[in-house]
PDB file of N, CA and C in Angstrom:
ATOM      1  N   MET A   1       0.746  -0.939  -0.002  1.00  0.00           N
ATOM      2  CA  MET A   1      -0.146  -0.064   0.187  1.00  0.00           C
ATOM      3  C   MET A   1       0.913   1.215   0.004  1.00  0.00           C
ATOM      4  N   ALA A   2       0.673   2.080  -1.009  1.00  0.00           N
ATOM      5  CA  ALA A   2       1.506   3.249  -0.864  1.00  0.00           C
ATOM      6  C   ALA A   2       0.841   4.575   0.036  1.00  0.00           C
ATOM      7  N   ARG A   3       1.958   5.264   0.340  1.00  0.00           N
ATOM      8  CA  ARG A   3       1.339   6.257   1.314  1.00  0.00           C
ATOM      9  C   ARG A   3       1.711   7.892   0.425  1.00  0.00           C
ATOM     10  N   LEU A   4       0.475   8.444   0.579  1.00  0.00           N
ATOM     11  CA  LEU A   4       0.853   9.592   0.057  1.00  0.00           C
ATOM     12  C   LEU A   4       1.273  10.738   1.191  1.00  0.00           C
ATOM     13  N   VAL A   5       2.318  11.495   0.916  1.00  0.00           N
ATOM     14  CA  VAL A   5       2.998  12.465   1.639  1.00  0.00           C
ATOM     15  C   VAL A   5       2.703  13.669   1.032  1.00  0.00           C
ATOM     16  N   VAL A   6       2.272  14.488   1.873  1.00  0.00           N
ATOM     17  CA  VAL A   6       2.079  15.837   1.257  1.00  0.00           C
ATOM     18  C   VAL A   6       2.632  16.908   2.413  1.00  0.00           C
ATOM     19  N   PRO A   7       3.689  17.616   1.529  1.00  0.00           N
ATOM     20  CA  PRO A   7       4.466  18.583   2.394  1.00  0.00           C
ATOM     21  C   PRO A   7       3.619  19.702   2.851  1.00  0.00           C
ATOM     22  N   VAL A   8       3.673  19.958   4.150  1.00  0.00           N
ATOM     23  CA  VAL A   8       3.084  21.124   4.809  1.00  0.00           C
ATOM     24  C   VAL A   8       3.750  22.318   4.802  1.00  0.00           C
ATOM     25  N   THR A   9       3.183  23.415   4.334  1.00  0.00           N
ATOM     26  CA  THR A   9       4.034  24.763   4.366  1.00  0.00           C
ATOM     27  C   THR A   9       3.323  25.449   5.549  1.00  0.00           C
ATOM     28  N   MET A  10       4.283  26.001   6.447  1.00  0.00           N
ATOM     29  CA  MET A  10       3.984  26.719   7.526  1.00  0.00           C
ATOM     30  C   MET A  10       3.918  28.256   7.176  1.00  0.00           C
ATOM     31  N   PRO A  11       3.045  28.825   7.526  1.00  0.00           N
ATOM     32  CA  PRO A  11       2.933  30.352   7.143  1.00  0.00           C
ATOM     33  C   PRO A  11       3.928  31.188   8.038  1.00  0.00           C
ATOM     34  N   GLY A  12       4.232  32.501   7.704  1.00  0.00           N
ATOM     35  CA  GLY A  12       5.316  33.419   7.900  1.00  0.00           C
ATOM     36  C   GLY A  12       4.589  34.767   8.269  1.00  0.00           C
ATOM     37  N   SER A  13       5.106  35.659   8.514  1.00  0.00           N
ATOM     38  CA  SER A  13       4.562  37.065   8.775  1.00  0.00           C
ATOM     39  C   SER A  13       5.655  38.086   8.426  1.00  0.00           C
ATOM     40  N   VAL A  14       5.020  39.381   8.390  1.00  0.00           N
ATOM     41  CA  VAL A  14       5.623  40.589   8.165  1.00  0.00           C
ATOM     42  C   VAL A  14       5.269  41.523   9.080  1.00  0.00           C
ATOM     43  N   ALA A  15       6.334  42.191   9.870  1.00  0.00           N
ATOM     44  CA  ALA A  15       6.204  42.974  10.908  1.00  0.00           C
ATOM     45  C   ALA A  15       6.893  44.303  10.708  1.00  0.00           C
ATOM     46  N   GLY A  16       6.453  45.397  11.064  1.00  0.00           N
ATOM     47  CA  GLY A  16       7.136  46.726  10.877  1.00  0.00           C
ATOM     48  C   GLY A  16       6.698  47.913  11.505  1.00  0.00           C
ATOM     49  N   ARG A  17       7.170  49.039  10.754  1.00  0.00           N
ATOM     50  CA  ARG A  17       6.842  50.335  11.314  1.00  0.00           C
ATOM     51  C   ARG A  17       6.808  51.262  10.308  1.00  0.00           C
ATOM     52  N   VAL A  18       6.054  52.221  10.342  1.00  0.00           N
ATOM     53  CA  VAL A  18       5.682  53.510   9.496  1.00  0.00           C
ATOM     54  C   VAL A  18       6.115  54.502  10.052  1.00  0.00           C
ATOM     55  N   VAL A  19       6.914  55.283   9.454  1.00  0.00           N
ATOM     56  CA  VAL A  19       7.470  56.595  10.337  1.00  0.00           C
ATOM     57  C   VAL A  19       7.687  57.906   9.476  1.00  0.00           C
ATOM     58  N   ASN A  20       7.435  58.814   9.922  1.00  0.00           N
ATOM     59  CA  ASN A  20       7.531  60.100   9.247  1.00  0.00           C
ATOM     60  C   ASN A  20       8.720  60.388   9.130  1.00  0.00           C
ATOM     61  N   GLY A  21       9.387  60.811   7.923  1.00  0.00           N
ATOM     62  CA  GLY A  21      10.693  61.005   7.394  1.00  0.00           C
ATOM     63  C   GLY A  21      11.024  62.160   7.980  1.00  0.00           C
ATOM     64  N   ASN A  22      10.304  63.322   8.247  1.00  0.00           N
ATOM     65  CA  ASN A  22      10.645  64.392   8.748  1.00  0.00           C
ATOM     66  C   ASN A  22      10.919  64.568  10.245  1.00  0.00           C
ATOM     67  N   THR A  23      10.053  63.869  11.114  1.00  0.00           N
ATOM     68  CA  THR A  23      10.245  63.753  12.454  1.00  0.00           C
ATOM     69  C   THR A  23      10.624  62.546  13.006  1.00  0.00           C
ATOM     70  N   GLY A  24      10.580  61.530  12.457  1.00  0.00           N
ATOM     71  CA  GLY A  24      11.073  60.045  12.929  1.00  0.00           C
ATOM     72  C   GLY A  24       9.964  59.444  13.819  1.00  0.00           C
ATOM     73  N   ARG A  25       8.861  59.991  14.153  1.00  0.00           N
ATOM     74  CA  ARG A  25       7.717  59.466  14.978  1.00  0.00           C
ATOM     75  C   ARG A  25       7.010  58.504  14.006  1.00  0.00           C
ATOM     76  N   GLY A  26       6.552  57.802  14.836  1.00  0.00           N
ATOM     77  CA  GLY A  26       5.376  56.614  14.191  1.00  0.00           C
ATOM     78  C   GLY A  26       4.207  57.282  13.800  1.00  0.00           C
ATOM     79  N   PHE A  27       3.671  56.600  12.441  1.00  0.00           N
ATOM     80  CA  PHE A  27       2.570  57.181  11.898  1.00  0.00           C
ATOM     81  C   PHE A  27       1.527  56.372  12.092  1.00  0.00           C
ATOM     82  N   PRO A  28       0.608  56.989  13.003  1.00  0.00           N
ATOM     83  CA  PRO A  28      -0.624  55.842  13.411  1.00  0.00           C
ATOM     84  C   PRO A  28      -1.792  56.072  12.275  1.00  0.00           C
ATOM     85  N   ALA A  29      -2.505  54.998  12.107  1.00  0.00           N
ATOM     86  CA  ALA A  29      -3.622  54.727  11.380  1.00  0.00           C
ATOM     87  C   ALA A  29      -3.507  55.124   9.994  1.00  0.00           C
ATOM     88  N   VAL A  30      -2.362  54.284   9.533  1.00  0.00           N
ATOM     89  CA  VAL A  30      -2.006  54.240   8.091  1.00  0.00           C
ATOM     90  C   VAL A  30      -2.101  53.164   7.645  1.00  0.00           C
ATOM     91  N   PRO A  31      -2.953  52.860   6.565  1.00  0.00           N
ATOM     92  CA  PRO A  31      -2.836  51.564   5.874  1.00  0.00           C
ATOM     93  C   PRO A  31      -1.803  51.055   5.121  1.00  0.00           C
ATOM     94  N   VAL A  32      -1.557  49.844   5.446  1.00  0.00           N
ATOM     95  CA  VAL A  32      -0.371  49.185   4.908  1.00  0.00           C
ATOM     96  C   VAL A  32      -0.483  48.156   4.172  1.00  0.00           C
ATOM     97  N   ILE A  33      -0.186  47.796   2.953  1.00  0.00           N
ATOM     98  CA  ILE A  33      -0.636  46.732   2.229  1.00  0.00           C
ATOM     99  C   ILE A  33       0.337  45.966   1.635  1.00  0.00           C
ATOM    100  N   LEU A  34       0.191  44.682   1.193  1.00  0.00           N
ATOM    101  CA  LEU A  34       1.124  43.804   0.521  1.00  0.00           C
ATOM    102  C   LEU A  34       0.668  43.972  -1.069  1.00  0.00           C
ATOM    103  N   VAL A  35       1.511  44.518  -1.763  1.00  0.00           N
ATOM    104  CA  VAL A  35       1.047  44.829  -3.318  1.00  0.00           C
ATOM    105  C   VAL A  35       0.721  43.526  -4.038  1.00  0.00           C
ATOM    106  N   GLY A  36      -0.367  43.636  -4.759  1.00  0.00           N
ATOM    107  CA  GLY A  36      -1.036  42.363  -5.438  1.00  0.00           C
ATOM    108  C   GLY A  36      -1.600  41.345  -4.721  1.00  0.00           C
ATOM    109  N   THR A  37      -1.872  41.920  -3.578  1.00  0.00           N
ATOM    110  CA  THR A  37      -2.679  40.688  -2.620  1.00  0.00           C
ATOM    111  C   THR A  37      -3.809  41.680  -2.145  1.00  0.00           C
ATOM    112  N   ASP A  38      -4.850  40.902  -1.263  1.00  0.00           N
ATOM    113  CA  ASP A  38      -5.892  41.380  -0.547  1.00  0.00           C
ATOM    114  C   ASP A  38      -5.578  41.731   0.832  1.00  0.00           C
ATOM    115  N   VAL A  39      -4.084  41.583   1.103  1.00  0.00           N
ATOM    116  CA  VAL A  39      -3.716  41.829   2.767  1.00  0.00           C
ATOM    117  C   VAL A  39      -3.609  43.264   2.896  1.00  0.00           C
ATOM    118  N   ARG A  40      -4.122  43.655   3.854  1.00  0.00           N
ATOM    119  CA  ARG A  40      -4.156  44.978   4.138  1.00  0.00           C
ATOM    120  C   ARG A  40      -4.412  45.316   5.984  1.00  0.00           C
ATOM    121  N   VAL A  41      -3.540  46.034   6.357  1.00  0.00           N
ATOM    122  CA  VAL A  41      -3.698  46.287   7.964  1.00  0.00           C
ATOM    123  C   VAL A  41      -3.452  47.625   8.166  1.00  0.00           C
ATOM    124  N   VAL A  42      -3.780  48.141   9.307  1.00  0.00           N
ATOM    125  CA  VAL A  42      -3.539  49.616   9.637  1.00  0.00           C
ATOM    126  C   VAL A  42      -2.682  49.709  10.886  1.00  0.00           C
ATOM    127  N   THR A  43      -1.803  50.624  10.836  1.00  0.00           N
ATOM    128  CA  THR A  43      -0.819  50.878  11.741  1.00  0.00           C
ATOM    129  C   THR A  43      -1.667  51.374  13.101  1.00  0.00           C
ATOM    130  N   ASP A  44      -0.916  50.819  14.403  1.00  0.00           N
ATOM    131  CA  ASP A  44      -1.412  51.327  15.659  1.00  0.00           C
ATOM    132  C   ASP A  44      -0.774  52.429  15.837  1.00  0.00           C
ATOM    133  N   ALA A  45      -1.107  52.912  17.091  1.00  0.00           N
ATOM    134  CA  ALA A  45      -0.848  54.508  17.600  1.00  0.00           C
ATOM    135  C   ALA A  45       0.746  54.688  17.440  1.00  0.00           C
ATOM    136  N   ALA A  46       1.609  53.878  17.599  1.00  0.00           N
ATOM    137  CA  ALA A  46       3.019  54.069  17.385  1.00  0.00           C
ATOM    138  C   ALA A  46       3.639  53.844  15.883  1.00  0.00           C
ATOM    139  N   GLY A  47       2.602  53.340  14.911  1.00  0.00           N
ATOM    140  CA  GLY A  47       3.065  53.388  13.728  1.00  0.00           C
ATOM    141  C   GLY A  47       3.524  51.674  13.385  1.00  0.00           C
ATOM    142  N   ARG A  48       3.284  50.869  14.216  1.00  0.00           N
ATOM    143  CA  ARG A  48       3.496  49.538  14.322  1.00  0.00           C
ATOM    144  C   ARG A  48       2.622  48.738  13.222  1.00  0.00           C
ATOM    145  N   PHE A  49       2.857  47.782  12.670  1.00  0.00           N
ATOM    146  CA  PHE A  49       2.107  46.975  12.034  1.00  0.00           C
ATOM    147  C   PHE A  49       2.198  45.324  12.172  1.00  0.00           C
ATOM    148  N   ALA A  50       1.693  44.624  11.785  1.00  0.00           N
ATOM    149  CA  ALA A  50       2.059  43.087  11.612  1.00  0.00           C
ATOM    150  C   ALA A  50       1.224  42.460  10.708  1.00  0.00           C
ATOM    151  N   MET A  51       1.575  41.608  10.070  1.00  0.00           N
ATOM    152  CA  MET A  51       0.729  40.455   8.928  1.00  0.00           C
ATOM    153  C   MET A  51       1.127  39.335   9.202  1.00  0.00           C
ATOM    154  N   GLU A  52       0.031  38.499   9.706  1.00  0.00           N
ATOM    155  CA  GLU A  52       0.330  37.460   9.733  1.00  0.00           C
ATOM    156  C   GLU A  52      -0.256  36.061   8.892  1.00  0.00           C
ATOM    157  N   ASP A  53       0.129  35.013   9.072  1.00  0.00           N
ATOM    158  CA  ASP A  53      -0.414  33.863   8.361  1.00  0.00           C
ATOM    159  C   ASP A  53      -0.140  33.948   6.883  1.00  0.00           C
ATOM    160  N   LEU A  54       0.870  34.366   6.395  1.00  0.00           N
ATOM    161  CA  LEU A  54       1.262  34.533   4.891  1.00  0.00           C
ATOM    162  C   LEU A  54       2.120  33.449   4.447  1.00  0.00           C
ATOM    163  N   PRO A  55       1.718  32.821   3.179  1.00  0.00           N
ATOM    164  CA  PRO A  55       2.387  32.045   2.519  1.00  0.00           C
ATOM    165  C   PRO A  55       3.794  32.532   2.140  1.00  0.00           C
ATOM    166  N   PRO A  56       4.757  31.530   2.329  1.00  0.00           N
ATOM    167  CA  PRO A  56       6.238  32.012   2.194  1.00  0.00           C
ATOM    168  C   PRO A  56       6.313  32.538   0.562  1.00  0.00           C
ATOM    169  N   GLY A  57       7.102  33.450   0.387  1.00  0.00           N
ATOM    170  CA  GLY A  57       7.437  34.213  -0.785  1.00  0.00           C
ATOM    171  C   GLY A  57       7.744  35.408  -0.491  1.00  0.00           C
ATOM    172  N   ALA A  58       8.076  36.127  -1.780  1.00  0.00           N
ATOM    173  CA  ALA A  58       8.323  37.313  -1.996  1.00  0.00           C
ATOM    174  C   ALA A  58       7.140  38.471  -2.017  1.00  0.00           C
ATOM    175  N   TYR A  59       7.209  39.538  -1.268  1.00  0.00           N
ATOM    176  CA  TYR A  59       6.166  40.324  -1.630  1.00  0.00           C
ATOM    177  C   TYR A  59       6.845  41.896  -1.384  1.00  0.00           C
ATOM    178  N   GLN A  60       6.048  42.748  -1.990  1.00  0.00           N
ATOM    179  CA  GLN A  60       6.241  44.266  -1.640  1.00  0.00           C
ATOM    180  C   GLN A  60       5.354  44.932  -0.903  1.00  0.00           C
ATOM    181  N   VAL A  61       5.674  45.523   0.318  1.00  0.00           N
ATOM    182  CA  VAL A  61       4.923  46.227   1.120  1.00  0.00           C
ATOM    183  C   VAL A  61       4.786  47.951   0.806  1.00  0.00           C
ATOM    184  N   ARG A  62       3.614  48.378   1.170  1.00  0.00           N
ATOM    185  CA  ARG A  62       3.505  49.764   0.704  1.00  0.00           C
ATOM    186  C   ARG A  62       2.776  50.335   1.755  1.00  0.00           C
ATOM    187  N   ALA A  63       2.923  51.491   2.308  1.00  0.00           N
ATOM    188  CA  ALA A  63       2.066  52.277   3.015  1.00  0.00           C
ATOM    189  C   ALA A  63       1.207  53.331   2.347  1.00  0.00           C
ATOM    190  N   ASP A  64      -0.157  53.455   2.664  1.00  0.00           N
ATOM    191  CA  ASP A  64      -1.019  54.326   1.614  1.00  0.00           C
ATOM    192  C   ASP A  64      -1.370  55.394   2.488  1.00  0.00           C
ATOM    193  N   CYS A  65      -0.785  56.431   1.982  1.00  0.00           N
ATOM    194  CA  CYS A  65      -1.096  57.800   2.976  1.00  0.00           C
ATOM    195  C   CYS A  65      -0.908  59.108   2.076  1.00  0.00           C
ATOM    196  N   GLY A  66      -1.853  59.393   1.289  1.00  0.00           N
ATOM    197  CA  GLY A  66      -2.020  60.525   0.725  1.00  0.00           C
ATOM    198  C   GLY A  66      -1.165  61.729   0.992  1.00  0.00           C
ATOM    199  N   GLY A  67      -0.187  62.442   0.040  1.00  0.00           N
ATOM    200  CA  GLY A  67       0.649  63.557   0.450  1.00  0.00           C
ATOM    201  C   GLY A  67       1.949  63.264   0.773  1.00  0.00           C
ATOM    202  N   PHE A  68       2.060  62.093   0.928  1.00  0.00           N
ATOM    203  CA  PHE A  68       3.411  61.347   1.239  1.00  0.00           C
ATOM    204  C   PHE A  68       3.829  60.190   0.438  1.00  0.00           C
ATOM    205  N   GLY A  69       4.859  60.022   0.075  1.00  0.00           N
ATOM    206  CA  GLY A  69       5.532  59.021  -0.886  1.00  0.00           C
ATOM    207  C   GLY A  69       5.963  57.935   0.071  1.00  0.00           C
ATOM    208  N   SER A  70       5.737  56.643  -0.584  1.00  0.00           N
ATOM    209  CA  SER A  70       6.089  55.392   0.367  1.00  0.00           C
ATOM    210  C   SER A  70       6.948  54.628  -0.400  1.00  0.00           C
ATOM    211  N   PRO A  71       8.118  54.261  -0.037  1.00  0.00           N
ATOM    212  CA  PRO A  71       8.933  53.127  -0.783  1.00  0.00           C
ATOM    213  C   PRO A  71       8.049  51.887  -0.588  1.00  0.00           C
ATOM    214  N   THR A  72       8.350  50.978  -1.718  1.00  0.00           N
ATOM    215  CA  THR A  72       7.673  49.559  -1.536  1.00  0.00           C
ATOM    216  C   THR A  72       8.838  48.599  -1.459  1.00  0.00           C
ATOM    217  N   PRO A  73       9.291  48.480  -0.364  1.00  0.00           N
ATOM    218  CA  PRO A  73      10.646  47.386  -0.408  1.00  0.00           C
ATOM    219  C   PRO A  73       9.960  45.768  -0.568  1.00  0.00           C
ATOM    220  N   ARG A  74      11.033  45.303  -1.047  1.00  0.00           N
ATOM    221  CA  ARG A  74      10.770  43.638  -1.031  1.00  0.00           C
ATOM    222  C   ARG A  74      11.015  42.901   0.163  1.00  0.00           C
ATOM    223  N   VAL A  75      10.006  42.248   0.560  1.00  0.00           N
ATOM    224  CA  VAL A  75      10.328  41.385   1.845  1.00  0.00           C
ATOM    225  C   VAL A  75      10.200  39.909   1.397  1.00  0.00           C
ATOM    226  N   VAL A  76      10.805  39.207   1.810  1.00  0.00           N
ATOM    227  CA  VAL A  76      10.722  37.577   1.747  1.00  0.00           C
ATOM    228  C   VAL A  76      10.321  37.002   2.912  1.00  0.00           C
ATOM    229  N   VAL A  77       9.142  36.558   2.866  1.00  0.00           N
ATOM    230  CA  VAL A  77       8.478  35.665   4.034  1.00  0.00           C
ATOM    231  C   VAL A  77       8.966  34.114   3.995  1.00  0.00           C
ATOM    232  N   SER A  78       9.286  33.700   5.246  1.00  0.00           N
ATOM    233  CA  SER A  78       9.707  32.434   5.365  1.00  0.00           C
ATOM    234  C   SER A  78       9.090  31.566   5.964  1.00  0.00           C
ATOM    235  N   GLU A  79       8.963  30.235   6.046  1.00  0.00           N
ATOM    236  CA  GLU A  79       8.327  29.501   7.025  1.00  0.00           C
ATOM    237  C   GLU A  79       8.636  29.911   8.506  1.00  0.00           C
ATOM    238  N   THR A  80       7.540  30.003   9.400  1.00  0.00           N
ATOM    239  CA  THR A  80       7.727  30.523  10.624  1.00  0.00           C
ATOM    240  C   THR A  80       8.639  31.701  11.178  1.00  0.00           C
ATOM    241  N   ARG A  81       8.979  32.439  10.119  1.00  0.00           N
ATOM    242  CA  ARG A  81       9.907  33.580  10.539  1.00  0.00           C
ATOM    243  C   ARG A  81       9.169  34.941  10.242  1.00  0.00           C
ATOM    244  N   GLN A  82       9.576  35.850  10.807  1.00  0.00           N
ATOM    245  CA  GLN A  82       9.100  37.152  10.691  1.00  0.00           C
ATOM    246  C   GLN A  82      10.066  37.895   9.972  1.00  0.00           C
ATOM    247  N   ALA A  83       9.457  38.242   8.670  1.00  0.00           N
ATOM    248  CA  ALA A  83      10.260  39.326   7.934  1.00  0.00           C
ATOM    249  C   ALA A  83      10.023  40.875   8.740  1.00  0.00           C
ATOM    250  N   ARG A  84      11.047  41.651   8.933  1.00  0.00           N
ATOM    251  CA  ARG A  84      10.916  43.085   9.422  1.00  0.00           C
ATOM    252  C   ARG A  84      10.953  44.110   8.173  1.00  0.00           C
ATOM    253  N   VAL A  85      10.387  45.082   8.337  1.00  0.00           N
ATOM    254  CA  VAL A  85      10.387  46.387   7.321  1.00  0.00           C
ATOM    255  C   VAL A  85      10.106  47.575   8.048  1.00  0.00           C
ATOM    256  N   LEU A  86      11.093  48.614   7.741  1.00  0.00           N
ATOM    257  CA  LEU A  86      10.652  49.831   7.957  1.00  0.00           C
ATOM    258  C   LEU A  86      10.296  50.726   7.038  1.00  0.00           C
ATOM    259  N   LEU A  87       9.305  51.497   7.044  1.00  0.00           N
ATOM    260  CA  LEU A  87       8.577  52.398   5.744  1.00  0.00           C
ATOM    261  C   LEU A  87       8.767  53.652   6.179  1.00  0.00           C
ATOM    262  N   VAL A  88       9.571  54.528   5.577  1.00  0.00           N
ATOM    263  CA  VAL A  88      10.016  56.020   5.806  1.00  0.00           C
ATOM    264  C   VAL A  88       9.040  56.585   5.005  1.00  0.00           C
ATOM    265  N   LEU A  89       8.052  57.476   5.450  1.00  0.00           N
ATOM    266  CA  LEU A  89       7.331  58.364   4.353  1.00  0.00           C
ATOM    267  C   LEU A  89       7.706  59.688   4.416  1.00  0.00           C
ATOM    268  N   GLU A  90       8.215  60.093   3.176  1.00  0.00           N
ATOM    269  CA  GLU A  90       8.328  61.600   2.774  1.00  0.00           C
ATOM    270  C   GLU A  90       7.338  62.273   2.408  1.00  0.00           C
ATOM    271  N   GLN A  91       7.384  63.619   2.990  1.00  0.00           N
ATOM    272  CA  GLN A  91       6.191  64.331   2.430  1.00  0.00           C
ATOM    273  C   GLN A  91       6.553  64.914   0.923  1.00  0.00           C
ATOM    274  N   GLU A  92       5.326  64.582  -0.059  1.00  0.00           N
ATOM    275  CA  GLU A  92       5.471  65.045  -1.284  1.00  0.00           C
ATOM    276  C   GLU A  92       5.773  66.683  -1.603  1.00  0.00           C
ATOM    277  N   ASP A  93       4.791  67.331  -0.953  1.00  0.00           N
ATOM    278  CA  ASP A  93       4.671  68.640  -0.988  1.00  0.00           C
ATOM    279  C   ASP A  93       5.577  69.379  -0.179  1.00  0.00           C
ATOM    280  N   ARG A  94       6.370  70.218  -0.350  1.00  0.00           N
ATOM    281  CA  ARG A  94       7.274  70.847   0.573  1.00  0.00           C
ATOM    282  C   ARG A  94       6.651  72.199   0.929  1.00  0.00           C
ATOM    283  N   SER A  95       5.911  72.575   0.796  1.00  0.00           N
ATOM    284  CA  SER A  95       5.123  73.848   0.980  1.00  0.00           C
ATOM    285  C   SER A  95       5.150  74.202   2.701  1.00  0.00           C
ATOM    286  N   GLY A  96       5.177  72.890   3.367  1.00  0.00           N
ATOM    287  CA  GLY A  96       5.065  73.381   4.735  1.00  0.00           C
ATOM    288  C   GLY A  96       3.653  72.669   5.146  1.00  0.00           C
ATOM    289  N   ARG A  97       2.680  72.719   4.304  1.00  0.00           N
ATOM    290  CA  ARG A  97       1.367  72.337   4.869  1.00  0.00           C
ATOM    291  C   ARG A  97       1.209  71.006   5.085  1.00  0.00           C
ATOM    292  N   ASP A  98       0.453  70.742   6.236  1.00  0.00           N
ATOM    293  CA  ASP A  98       0.098  69.335   6.905  1.00  0.00           C
ATOM    294  C   ASP A  98      -0.647  68.470   5.494  1.00  0.00           C
ATOM    295  N   LEU A  99      -0.153  67.583   4.789  1.00  0.00           N
ATOM    296  CA  LEU A  99      -0.882  66.994   3.618  1.00  0.00           C
ATOM    297  C   LEU A  99      -1.415  65.648   3.986  1.00  0.00           C
ATOM    298  N   ARG A 100      -1.282  65.426   5.245  1.00  0.00           N
ATOM    299  CA  ARG A 100      -1.969  63.819   5.758  1.00  0.00           C
ATOM    300  C   ARG A 100      -3.135  63.841   5.174  1.00  0.00           C
ATOM    301  N   ARG A 101      -3.380  62.996   4.327  1.00  0.00           N
ATOM    302  CA  ARG A 101      -4.856  62.253   3.864  1.00  0.00           C
ATOM    303  C   ARG A 101      -4.805  60.890   3.722  1.00  0.00           C
ATOM    304  N   CYS A 102      -4.763  59.951   4.913  1.00  0.00           N
ATOM    305  CA  CYS A 102      -4.832  58.740   4.571  1.00  0.00           C
ATOM    306  C   CYS A 102      -6.300  58.344   4.644  1.00  0.00           C
ATOM    307  N   ASP A 103      -6.342  57.202   3.908  1.00  0.00           N
ATOM    308  CA  ASP A 103      -7.810  56.297   3.575  1.00  0.00           C
ATOM    309  C   ASP A 103      -7.577  55.252   4.734  1.00  0.00           C
ATOM    310  N   ASN A 104      -8.528  55.524   5.985  1.00  0.00           N
ATOM    311  CA  ASN A 104      -8.412  54.405   6.828  1.00  0.00           C
ATOM    312  C   ASN A 104      -9.440  53.185   6.549  1.00  0.00           C
TER     313      ASN A 104
END
């Protein structure tokens, strides 16, 4: 009798922080997405976020805050490991006005 062996893939996670490039302070209530997926979370009061139960693979992470440019770094999620990322948002309009328009 043959046995079927099915490999089990364990999920990983991404965690990080979104900060204001001008002040270095954490950015609260900013949506953070995994580009090309439906995964979306919102930062806490200190700008921290976590995305759990992700299949292993390469992803791009982006903070979605109008008026601020966001890098989209590539992160690699491994089984049972947490990928870490720091997203530094730079104000796009240099006029000095507060342009924060985040869609929560």
